[in-house]
């Protein structure tokens, strides 16, 4: 079995604290062999959110880094609640929502920050699934990116 925890260690990254829900929802649900993660924002190591609208407050490159941070936040939810990243067999679907100006056109490039992280953790075969990347006029707390995902478990 592929060891995603060992792969994560090799990347030399750290996980932020897993966020607690800020509304009436569960951060994750397991249904049979599927793990559904609710929308996550970019939680930093100090538990603060990255905020700002892409194209106005922050650059597309900063947005991509924020999407990577969302991916790390999602990994934190998995590790905190399931005990191991290696319980995930593969990424099935990622939905990336980008808080951006109306003229911003590069939503997929921003969401690549998360997708590239997942590919590095679970490998290209299992870490890349289907994906949508869409623009929004606003997101909660003015975060630049929110991402939800569906995973298959072992």
Protein backbone atom coordinates (compact mmCIF):
# COMPACT_ATOMS: atom_id res chain seq x y z
CA UNK A 1 0.00 0.00 0.00
CA UNK A 2 1.24 3.50 -0.89
CA UNK A 3 2.37 5.45 2.16
CA UNK A 4 1.07 9.00 1.76
CA UNK A 5 2.23 9.91 5.28
CA UNK A 6 5.84 9.09 4.37
CA UNK A 7 5.50 11.00 1.10
CA UNK A 8 4.14 14.02 2.98
CA UNK A 9 7.13 13.88 5.37
CA UNK A 10 9.52 13.86 2.39
CA UNK A 11 7.92 17.07 1.11
CA UNK A 12 8.96 18.82 4.33
CA UNK A 13 5.60 20.53 4.78
CA UNK A 14 3.64 21.24 7.95
CA UNK A 15 -0.06 20.94 8.55
CA UNK A 16 -2.07 23.82 10.00
CA UNK A 17 -4.60 23.04 12.72
CA UNK A 18 -7.73 21.32 11.42
CA UNK A 19 -10.50 23.92 11.38
CA UNK A 20 -13.66 23.58 13.45
CA UNK A 21 -16.96 24.18 11.64
CA UNK A 22 -18.14 27.81 11.61
CA UNK A 23 -21.70 26.82 10.81
CA UNK A 24 -24.15 23.95 10.93
CA UNK A 25 -22.24 21.28 8.99
CA UNK A 26 -19.69 18.49 9.41
CA UNK A 27 -16.15 19.02 8.10
CA UNK A 28 -16.20 15.50 6.69
CA UNK A 29 -18.52 12.54 6.17
CA UNK A 30 -17.55 8.95 5.40
CA UNK A 31 -20.06 6.96 3.36
CA UNK A 32 -18.82 3.43 2.73
CA UNK A 33 -15.51 3.82 0.93
CA UNK A 34 -15.96 7.52 0.19
CA UNK A 35 -14.70 10.51 2.17
CA UNK A 36 -16.45 13.81 1.51
CA UNK A 37 -14.73 16.97 2.73
CA UNK A 38 -16.77 20.13 3.15
CA UNK A 39 -15.44 23.37 1.73
CA UNK A 40 -12.17 24.36 3.40
CA UNK A 41 -10.43 27.72 3.48
CA UNK A 42 -6.73 28.61 3.69
CA UNK A 43 -5.89 28.14 7.38
CA UNK A 44 -2.31 29.09 8.20
CA UNK A 45 -0.09 27.44 10.83
CA UNK A 46 -1.09 30.15 13.34
CA UNK A 47 -4.79 29.26 12.74
CA UNK A 48 -5.43 32.61 10.96
CA UNK A 49 -7.06 32.66 7.53
CA UNK A 50 -5.47 34.07 4.41
CA UNK A 51 -7.87 36.76 3.18
CA UNK A 52 -8.27 38.85 0.04
CA UNK A 53 -9.84 38.87 -3.40
CA UNK A 54 -7.70 37.75 -6.33
CA UNK A 55 -7.31 40.52 -8.88
CA UNK A 56 -7.95 43.16 -6.24
CA UNK A 57 -6.15 42.45 -2.93
CA UNK A 58 -3.85 39.60 -3.92
CA UNK A 59 -2.12 38.37 -7.06
CA UNK A 60 -2.89 35.15 -8.96
CA UNK A 61 0.41 33.72 -7.65
CA UNK A 62 -0.63 34.50 -4.07
CA UNK A 63 -4.00 32.91 -4.87
CA UNK A 64 -2.24 29.74 -6.01
CA UNK A 65 -0.30 29.65 -2.73
CA UNK A 66 -3.59 30.15 -0.87
CA UNK A 67 -5.07 27.17 -2.76
CA UNK A 68 -2.04 25.11 -1.71
CA UNK A 69 -2.71 26.19 1.87
CA UNK A 70 -6.32 25.06 1.50
CA UNK A 71 -4.97 21.68 0.38
CA UNK A 72 -2.79 21.52 3.49
CA UNK A 73 -5.84 22.41 5.60
CA UNK A 74 -7.77 19.57 3.98
CA UNK A 75 -4.88 17.17 4.66
CA UNK A 76 -4.98 18.31 8.28
CA UNK A 77 -8.68 17.44 8.51
CA UNK A 78 -7.95 13.99 7.07
CA UNK A 79 -4.96 13.31 9.34
CA UNK A 80 -6.70 14.67 12.46
CA UNK A 81 -9.92 12.70 11.96
CA UNK A 82 -8.79 9.54 10.15
CA UNK A 83 -5.32 9.27 11.72
CA UNK A 84 -3.41 8.83 8.45
CA UNK A 85 -3.22 10.25 4.94
CA UNK A 86 -2.53 6.69 3.79
CA UNK A 87 -6.17 5.76 4.40
CA UNK A 88 -6.98 7.69 1.22
CA UNK A 89 -6.69 5.56 -1.91
CA UNK A 90 -7.29 8.32 -4.44
CA UNK A 91 -8.71 11.75 -5.16
CA UNK A 92 -11.98 11.51 -7.06
CA UNK A 93 -13.21 15.11 -7.37
CA UNK A 94 -12.04 18.59 -6.40
CA UNK A 95 -14.24 21.68 -6.59
CA UNK A 96 -12.25 24.91 -6.33
CA UNK A 97 -14.01 28.22 -5.75
CA UNK A 98 -12.00 31.38 -6.40
CA UNK A 99 -12.92 34.74 -4.84
CA UNK A 100 -11.97 37.06 -7.68
CA UNK A 101 -12.79 40.14 -9.66
CA UNK A 102 -15.25 39.78 -12.55
CA UNK A 103 -12.48 40.13 -15.15
CA UNK A 104 -10.25 37.38 -13.67
CA UNK A 105 -9.84 34.46 -16.10
CA UNK A 106 -7.31 32.04 -14.58
CA UNK A 107 -9.29 30.06 -12.03
CA UNK A 108 -7.70 26.69 -12.98
CA UNK A 109 -4.18 28.10 -12.49
CA UNK A 110 -5.12 29.16 -8.96
CA UNK A 111 -6.67 25.79 -8.04
CA UNK A 112 -3.54 24.05 -9.36
CA UNK A 113 -1.98 25.01 -6.01
CA UNK A 114 -4.15 22.38 -4.32
CA UNK A 115 -4.12 19.87 -7.18
CA UNK A 116 -0.32 19.89 -7.41
CA UNK A 117 -0.11 19.28 -3.64
CA UNK A 118 -2.47 16.29 -3.83
CA UNK A 119 -0.48 14.88 -6.78
CA UNK A 120 2.73 15.22 -4.73
CA UNK A 121 1.19 13.46 -1.71
CA UNK A 122 -0.69 10.59 -3.41
CA UNK A 123 1.21 10.42 -6.71
CA UNK A 124 -0.06 11.47 -10.13
CA UNK A 125 -2.10 8.30 -10.68
CA UNK A 126 -4.12 8.59 -7.45
CA UNK A 127 -3.62 12.24 -6.47
CA UNK A 128 -5.24 13.76 -9.55
CA UNK A 129 -8.98 13.36 -9.97
CA UNK A 130 -11.72 15.22 -11.78
CA UNK A 131 -11.95 18.92 -11.04
CA UNK A 132 -13.91 22.12 -11.46
CA UNK A 133 -12.46 25.59 -10.89
CA UNK A 134 -14.92 28.46 -10.83
CA UNK A 135 -15.00 32.14 -9.92
CA UNK A 136 -17.19 33.67 -7.23
CA UNK A 137 -18.00 37.27 -6.35
CA UNK A 138 -17.30 36.59 -2.69
CA UNK A 139 -16.43 33.80 -0.27
CA UNK A 140 -16.83 33.54 3.53
CA UNK A 141 -14.57 35.91 5.54
CA UNK A 142 -13.20 37.22 2.20
CA UNK A 143 -10.95 34.16 1.79
CA UNK A 144 -9.40 33.93 -1.70
CA UNK A 145 -10.12 30.22 -2.21
CA UNK A 146 -12.50 27.58 -0.88
CA UNK A 147 -12.16 23.94 -1.94
CA UNK A 148 -14.22 20.82 -1.31
CA UNK A 149 -13.27 17.30 -2.35
CA UNK A 150 -14.31 13.67 -2.63
CA UNK A 151 -11.83 10.86 -1.95
CA UNK A 152 -11.94 7.07 -2.15
CA UNK A 153 -10.73 5.25 0.96
CA UNK A 154 -8.99 1.88 1.25
